[in-house]
Amino acid sequence: MIDPKELEKKQAELTKLLAETFGASSGDLQHRMRKVGRRVPKRLHAAAKVIIEAQAMAGHPKLRQFIDAAAVNRAYLDIRDHLKTIDVADRRKGAVLGLLGGLSFNLLLVLALLLAFLMWRGFL
């Protein structure tokens, strides 16, 4: 059996980490995991589902005794450890470099097409 306050504390820490890492700053854990989407592995979505179901059961006094505390703790540690390994600055840097790489490729392609057109029309 797990204490509802402890479960709420774990869920609050996970939502804080999701906000810091991915910018998912609104809603509960389920909504934030949905916003994160494919940026985290499927096993983290499954672990979040365990915590969300435990939170729903913790509100009912008779169902609270059926919560598997070990599974909730494993899920919490799995999500927390994964989110703490993500480097936010590196993610931003990769996104900017990917954007600049695509933009430069498109500019080179347009320039090559313009040169090909000018050669075809006899201006070069």
N, C-alpha and C. Protein backbone atom coordinates (compact mmCIF):
# COMPACT_ATOMS: atom_id res chain seq x y z
N MET A 1 0.84 -1.17 0.00
CA MET A 1 0.00 0.00 0.00
C MET A 1 0.89 1.25 0.00
N ILE A 2 0.47 2.24 -0.74
CA ILE A 2 1.26 3.46 -0.87
C ILE A 2 0.45 4.65 -0.36
N ASP A 3 1.13 5.58 0.24
CA ASP A 3 0.48 6.77 0.78
C ASP A 3 0.09 7.70 -0.37
N PRO A 4 -1.15 8.20 -0.40
CA PRO A 4 -1.56 9.10 -1.48
C PRO A 4 -0.73 10.38 -1.56
N LYS A 5 -0.25 10.88 -0.43
CA LYS A 5 0.59 12.08 -0.44
C LYS A 5 1.93 11.80 -1.10
N GLU A 6 2.48 10.62 -0.84
CA GLU A 6 3.74 10.24 -1.47
C GLU A 6 3.57 10.09 -2.98
N LEU A 7 2.46 9.50 -3.38
CA LEU A 7 2.16 9.34 -4.80
C LEU A 7 1.99 10.69 -5.47
N GLU A 8 1.31 11.60 -4.80
CA GLU A 8 1.12 12.95 -5.34
C GLU A 8 2.46 13.68 -5.46
N LYS A 9 3.34 13.48 -4.48
CA LYS A 9 4.66 14.10 -4.50
C LYS A 9 5.49 13.59 -5.69
N LYS A 10 5.42 12.28 -5.94
CA LYS A 10 6.15 11.70 -7.07
C LYS A 10 5.60 12.23 -8.40
N GLN A 11 4.29 12.29 -8.49
CA GLN A 11 3.67 12.78 -9.72
C GLN A 11 4.03 14.26 -9.95
N ALA A 12 4.08 15.05 -8.88
CA ALA A 12 4.44 16.46 -9.00
C ALA A 12 5.89 16.62 -9.47
N GLU A 13 6.77 15.77 -8.98
CA GLU A 13 8.17 15.86 -9.41
C GLU A 13 8.31 15.48 -10.88
N LEU A 14 7.57 14.47 -11.31
CA LEU A 14 7.64 14.06 -12.72
C LEU A 14 7.08 15.15 -13.63
N THR A 15 5.98 15.78 -13.22
CA THR A 15 5.42 16.84 -14.06
C THR A 15 6.38 18.03 -14.12
N LYS A 16 7.09 18.30 -13.02
CA LYS A 16 8.08 19.38 -13.02
C LYS A 16 9.23 19.05 -13.97
N LEU A 17 9.70 17.81 -13.95
CA LEU A 17 10.78 17.41 -14.85
C LEU A 17 10.34 17.46 -16.31
N LEU A 18 9.10 17.08 -16.59
CA LEU A 18 8.60 17.16 -17.96
C LEU A 18 8.51 18.61 -18.42
N ALA A 19 8.15 19.50 -17.52
CA ALA A 19 8.08 20.92 -17.88
C ALA A 19 9.48 21.48 -18.15
N GLU A 20 10.45 21.09 -17.35
CA GLU A 20 11.81 21.59 -17.53
C GLU A 20 12.46 21.01 -18.79
N THR A 21 12.21 19.75 -19.06
CA THR A 21 12.91 19.08 -20.15
C THR A 21 12.26 19.33 -21.50
N PHE A 22 10.93 19.23 -21.57
CA PHE A 22 10.24 19.32 -22.85
C PHE A 22 9.33 20.53 -22.99
N GLY A 23 9.16 21.30 -21.93
CA GLY A 23 8.29 22.46 -22.00
C GLY A 23 6.82 22.13 -21.91
N ALA A 24 6.49 20.92 -21.52
CA ALA A 24 5.08 20.52 -21.35
C ALA A 24 4.64 21.02 -19.98
N SER A 25 4.12 22.24 -19.93
CA SER A 25 3.90 22.88 -18.64
C SER A 25 2.45 22.99 -18.22
N SER A 26 1.54 22.37 -18.93
CA SER A 26 0.14 22.49 -18.53
C SER A 26 -0.48 21.10 -18.42
N GLY A 27 -1.39 20.97 -17.48
CA GLY A 27 -2.11 19.71 -17.31
C GLY A 27 -1.45 18.78 -16.32
N ASP A 28 -2.08 17.62 -16.17
CA ASP A 28 -1.55 16.62 -15.25
C ASP A 28 -0.54 15.74 -15.99
N LEU A 29 -0.10 14.68 -15.33
CA LEU A 29 0.93 13.81 -15.89
C LEU A 29 0.47 13.18 -17.19
N GLN A 30 -0.77 12.74 -17.26
CA GLN A 30 -1.27 12.10 -18.47
C GLN A 30 -1.26 13.07 -19.65
N HIS A 31 -1.70 14.29 -19.42
CA HIS A 31 -1.73 15.29 -20.49
C HIS A 31 -0.31 15.65 -20.94
N ARG A 32 0.60 15.77 -20.00
CA ARG A 32 1.98 16.13 -20.34
C ARG A 32 2.66 15.00 -21.11
N MET A 33 2.40 13.76 -20.72
CA MET A 33 3.00 12.64 -21.47
C MET A 33 2.45 12.59 -22.89
N ARG A 34 1.18 12.93 -23.05
CA ARG A 34 0.60 12.96 -24.38
C ARG A 34 1.25 14.06 -25.22
N LYS A 35 1.55 15.21 -24.59
CA LYS A 35 2.21 16.30 -25.30
C LYS A 35 3.63 15.93 -25.71
N VAL A 36 4.32 15.19 -24.85
CA VAL A 36 5.70 14.79 -25.14
C VAL A 36 5.72 13.82 -26.32
N GLY A 37 4.75 12.94 -26.38
CA GLY A 37 4.59 12.06 -27.54
C GLY A 37 5.76 11.13 -27.78
N ARG A 38 6.27 11.15 -29.00
CA ARG A 38 7.31 10.21 -29.39
C ARG A 38 8.71 10.64 -28.99
N ARG A 39 8.82 11.74 -28.30
CA ARG A 39 10.15 12.19 -27.88
C ARG A 39 10.69 11.36 -26.73
N VAL A 40 9.85 10.53 -26.13
CA VAL A 40 10.31 9.60 -25.10
C VAL A 40 9.93 8.18 -25.53
N PRO A 41 10.65 7.17 -25.04
CA PRO A 41 10.36 5.80 -25.44
C PRO A 41 8.99 5.30 -24.93
N LYS A 42 8.51 4.24 -25.57
CA LYS A 42 7.22 3.66 -25.20
C LYS A 42 7.21 3.15 -23.76
N ARG A 43 8.35 2.68 -23.30
CA ARG A 43 8.40 2.14 -21.92
C ARG A 43 8.12 3.23 -20.90
N LEU A 44 8.46 4.48 -21.22
CA LEU A 44 8.15 5.57 -20.31
C LEU A 44 6.67 5.89 -20.31
N HIS A 45 6.03 5.74 -21.45
CA HIS A 45 4.58 5.94 -21.50
C HIS A 45 3.87 4.86 -20.68
N ALA A 46 4.39 3.63 -20.78
CA ALA A 46 3.80 2.54 -19.98
C ALA A 46 4.03 2.78 -18.49
N ALA A 47 5.20 3.28 -18.13
CA ALA A 47 5.48 3.56 -16.72
C ALA A 47 4.60 4.70 -16.21
N ALA A 48 4.38 5.70 -17.04
CA ALA A 48 3.49 6.81 -16.65
C ALA A 48 2.07 6.31 -16.47
N LYS A 49 1.67 5.35 -17.29
CA LYS A 49 0.32 4.79 -17.17
C LYS A 49 0.15 4.09 -15.83
N VAL A 50 1.19 3.41 -15.36
CA VAL A 50 1.15 2.76 -14.04
C VAL A 50 0.92 3.80 -12.95
N ILE A 51 1.63 4.91 -13.03
CA ILE A 51 1.49 5.96 -12.01
C ILE A 51 0.12 6.62 -12.09
N ILE A 52 -0.38 6.85 -13.30
CA ILE A 52 -1.69 7.48 -13.47
C ILE A 52 -2.80 6.59 -12.93
N GLU A 53 -2.71 5.29 -13.21
CA GLU A 53 -3.71 4.36 -12.68
C GLU A 53 -3.64 4.28 -11.17
N ALA A 54 -2.43 4.31 -10.62
CA ALA A 54 -2.29 4.28 -9.16
C ALA A 54 -2.87 5.54 -8.54
N GLN A 55 -2.70 6.67 -9.20
CA GLN A 55 -3.26 7.93 -8.70
C GLN A 55 -4.79 7.87 -8.69
N ALA A 56 -5.36 7.27 -9.73
CA ALA A 56 -6.81 7.14 -9.78
C ALA A 56 -7.32 6.20 -8.68
N MET A 57 -6.58 5.14 -8.41
CA MET A 57 -6.99 4.19 -7.37
C MET A 57 -6.76 4.74 -5.96
N ALA A 58 -5.81 5.66 -5.83
CA ALA A 58 -5.49 6.21 -4.50
C ALA A 58 -6.61 7.08 -3.96
N GLY A 59 -7.47 7.57 -4.83
CA GLY A 59 -8.57 8.39 -4.38
C GLY A 59 -9.69 7.61 -3.71
N HIS A 60 -9.70 6.32 -3.91
CA HIS A 60 -10.75 5.48 -3.34
C HIS A 60 -10.15 4.64 -2.20
N PRO A 61 -10.71 4.71 -1.00
CA PRO A 61 -10.09 4.04 0.15
C PRO A 61 -9.99 2.52 0.01
N LYS A 62 -10.97 1.88 -0.61
CA LYS A 62 -10.91 0.42 -0.72
C LYS A 62 -10.01 -0.03 -1.85
N LEU A 63 -9.91 0.76 -2.91
CA LEU A 63 -9.04 0.40 -4.02
C LEU A 63 -7.57 0.72 -3.72
N ARG A 64 -7.34 1.61 -2.77
CA ARG A 64 -5.98 2.03 -2.44
C ARG A 64 -5.12 0.85 -2.00
N GLN A 65 -5.72 -0.16 -1.38
CA GLN A 65 -4.94 -1.30 -0.89
C GLN A 65 -4.45 -2.21 -2.02
N PHE A 66 -5.00 -2.04 -3.22
CA PHE A 66 -4.59 -2.88 -4.34
C PHE A 66 -3.48 -2.26 -5.19
N ILE A 67 -3.00 -1.09 -4.80
CA ILE A 67 -1.92 -0.44 -5.54
C ILE A 67 -0.62 -1.17 -5.26
N ASP A 68 0.10 -1.50 -6.33
CA ASP A 68 1.39 -2.17 -6.21
C ASP A 68 2.47 -1.10 -6.03
N ALA A 69 2.92 -0.91 -4.79
CA ALA A 69 3.87 0.14 -4.48
C ALA A 69 5.21 -0.08 -5.18
N ALA A 70 5.62 -1.33 -5.31
CA ALA A 70 6.90 -1.62 -5.96
C ALA A 70 6.85 -1.23 -7.44
N ALA A 71 5.73 -1.52 -8.10
CA ALA A 71 5.59 -1.15 -9.52
C ALA A 71 5.55 0.36 -9.70
N VAL A 72 4.89 1.04 -8.78
CA VAL A 72 4.83 2.50 -8.86
C VAL A 72 6.22 3.09 -8.65
N ASN A 73 6.96 2.58 -7.70
CA ASN A 73 8.32 3.08 -7.44
C ASN A 73 9.25 2.80 -8.62
N ARG A 74 9.14 1.61 -9.23
CA ARG A 74 9.95 1.29 -10.40
C ARG A 74 9.63 2.24 -11.55
N ALA A 75 8.34 2.48 -11.77
CA ALA A 75 7.92 3.37 -12.85
C ALA A 75 8.41 4.78 -12.60
N TYR A 76 8.29 5.24 -11.37
CA TYR A 76 8.74 6.58 -11.02
C TYR A 76 10.25 6.73 -11.25
N LEU A 77 11.02 5.77 -10.77
CA LEU A 77 12.48 5.84 -10.93
C LEU A 77 12.89 5.75 -12.40
N ASP A 78 12.19 4.93 -13.17
CA ASP A 78 12.50 4.79 -14.60
C ASP A 78 12.28 6.11 -15.33
N ILE A 79 11.15 6.74 -15.09
CA ILE A 79 10.85 8.01 -15.76
C ILE A 79 11.81 9.10 -15.27
N ARG A 80 12.02 9.19 -13.98
CA ARG A 80 12.89 10.23 -13.42
C ARG A 80 14.32 10.09 -13.93
N ASP A 81 14.85 8.87 -13.95
CA ASP A 81 16.22 8.67 -14.40
C ASP A 81 16.37 9.02 -15.88
N HIS A 82 15.39 8.68 -16.69
CA HIS A 82 15.47 8.99 -18.11
C HIS A 82 15.39 10.50 -18.34
N LEU A 83 14.49 11.17 -17.65
CA LEU A 83 14.34 12.61 -17.85
C LEU A 83 15.54 13.39 -17.36
N LYS A 84 16.22 12.89 -16.35
CA LYS A 84 17.40 13.59 -15.84
C LYS A 84 18.60 13.43 -16.76
N THR A 85 18.61 12.42 -17.63
CA THR A 85 19.73 12.22 -18.54
C THR A 85 19.62 13.08 -19.80
N ILE A 86 18.46 13.67 -20.05
CA ILE A 86 18.26 14.46 -21.26
C ILE A 86 18.90 15.83 -21.08
N ASP A 87 19.75 16.22 -22.02
CA ASP A 87 20.41 17.53 -21.98
C ASP A 87 19.59 18.50 -22.82
N VAL A 88 18.99 19.47 -22.18
CA VAL A 88 18.09 20.41 -22.85
C VAL A 88 18.86 21.29 -23.83
N ALA A 89 20.04 21.74 -23.44
CA ALA A 89 20.84 22.60 -24.32
C ALA A 89 21.24 21.85 -25.59
N ASP A 90 21.59 20.58 -25.46
CA ASP A 90 21.96 19.78 -26.62
C ASP A 90 20.77 19.56 -27.54
N ARG A 91 19.57 19.38 -26.97
CA ARG A 91 18.37 19.24 -27.79
C ARG A 91 18.11 20.50 -28.60
N ARG A 92 18.24 21.67 -27.94
CA ARG A 92 18.04 22.94 -28.63
C ARG A 92 19.07 23.14 -29.73
N LYS A 93 20.32 22.84 -29.41
CA LYS A 93 21.39 23.00 -30.39
C LYS A 93 21.15 22.10 -31.60
N GLY A 94 20.72 20.88 -31.37
CA GLY A 94 20.42 19.96 -32.46
C GLY A 94 19.27 20.44 -33.32
N ALA A 95 18.25 21.02 -32.68
CA ALA A 95 17.11 21.53 -33.44
C ALA A 95 17.52 22.71 -34.32
N VAL A 96 18.33 23.61 -33.77
CA VAL A 96 18.79 24.77 -34.54
C VAL A 96 19.68 24.33 -35.70
N LEU A 97 20.60 23.41 -35.44
CA LEU A 97 21.48 22.93 -36.50
C LEU A 97 20.70 22.18 -37.57
N GLY A 98 19.69 21.43 -37.18
CA GLY A 98 18.86 20.75 -38.17
C GLY A 98 18.09 21.73 -39.04
N LEU A 99 17.58 22.78 -38.44
CA LEU A 99 16.87 23.82 -39.18
C LEU A 99 17.81 24.53 -40.15
N LEU A 100 18.99 24.90 -39.67
CA LEU A 100 19.95 25.59 -40.53
C LEU A 100 20.46 24.69 -41.65
N GLY A 101 20.64 23.42 -41.37
CA GLY A 101 21.07 22.48 -42.41
C GLY A 101 20.03 22.34 -43.51
N GLY A 102 18.77 22.22 -43.14
CA GLY A 102 17.71 22.13 -44.14
C GLY A 102 17.57 23.40 -44.95
N LEU A 103 17.70 24.53 -44.28
CA LEU A 103 17.60 25.82 -44.96
C LEU A 103 18.75 26.01 -45.96
N SER A 104 19.96 25.66 -45.56
CA SER A 104 21.10 25.81 -46.47
C SER A 104 20.98 24.87 -47.66
N PHE A 105 20.50 23.66 -47.44
CA PHE A 105 20.31 22.73 -48.55
C PHE A 105 19.28 23.29 -49.54
N ASN A 106 18.19 23.83 -49.04
CA ASN A 106 17.18 24.40 -49.92
C ASN A 106 17.72 25.59 -50.71
N LEU A 107 18.52 26.43 -50.07
CA LEU A 107 19.11 27.57 -50.77
C LEU A 107 20.06 27.10 -51.88
N LEU A 108 20.88 26.11 -51.59
CA LEU A 108 21.78 25.57 -52.62
C LEU A 108 21.00 24.95 -53.78
N LEU A 109 19.92 24.28 -53.48
CA LEU A 109 19.10 23.67 -54.52
C LEU A 109 18.45 24.73 -55.40
N VAL A 110 17.94 25.80 -54.81
CA VAL A 110 17.32 26.87 -55.59
C VAL A 110 18.38 27.56 -56.45
N LEU A 111 19.58 27.77 -55.90
CA LEU A 111 20.66 28.38 -56.67
C LEU A 111 21.06 27.50 -57.84
N ALA A 112 21.17 26.19 -57.64
CA ALA A 112 21.51 25.27 -58.72
C ALA A 112 20.42 25.26 -59.79
N LEU A 113 19.16 25.29 -59.39
CA LEU A 113 18.07 25.33 -60.37
C LEU A 113 18.07 26.64 -61.15
N LEU A 114 18.38 27.74 -60.49
CA LEU A 114 18.46 29.03 -61.17
C LEU A 114 19.59 29.03 -62.20
N LEU A 115 20.75 28.52 -61.81
CA LEU A 115 21.86 28.43 -62.76
C LEU A 115 21.53 27.52 -63.94
N ALA A 116 20.87 26.40 -63.68
CA ALA A 116 20.48 25.48 -64.75
C ALA A 116 19.48 26.16 -65.69
N PHE A 117 18.55 26.92 -65.14
CA PHE A 117 17.56 27.63 -65.96
C PHE A 117 18.23 28.69 -66.82
N LEU A 118 19.17 29.45 -66.22
CA LEU A 118 19.86 30.48 -66.98
C LEU A 118 20.72 29.89 -68.10
N MET A 119 21.34 28.75 -67.82
CA MET A 119 22.12 28.09 -68.87
C MET A 119 21.23 27.56 -69.97
N TRP A 120 20.10 27.04 -69.62
CA TRP A 120 19.15 26.47 -70.60
C TRP A 120 18.61 27.57 -71.50
N ARG A 121 18.34 28.75 -70.94
CA ARG A 121 17.78 29.86 -71.72
C ARG A 121 18.87 30.62 -72.48
N GLY A 122 20.15 30.31 -72.25
CA GLY A 122 21.24 30.92 -73.01
C GLY A 122 21.77 32.20 -72.43
N PHE A 123 21.45 32.51 -71.20
CA PHE A 123 21.97 33.74 -70.59
C PHE A 123 23.35 33.52 -69.98
N LEU A 124 23.79 32.31 -69.81
CA LEU A 124 25.13 32.03 -69.29
C LEU A 124 25.92 31.20 -70.25
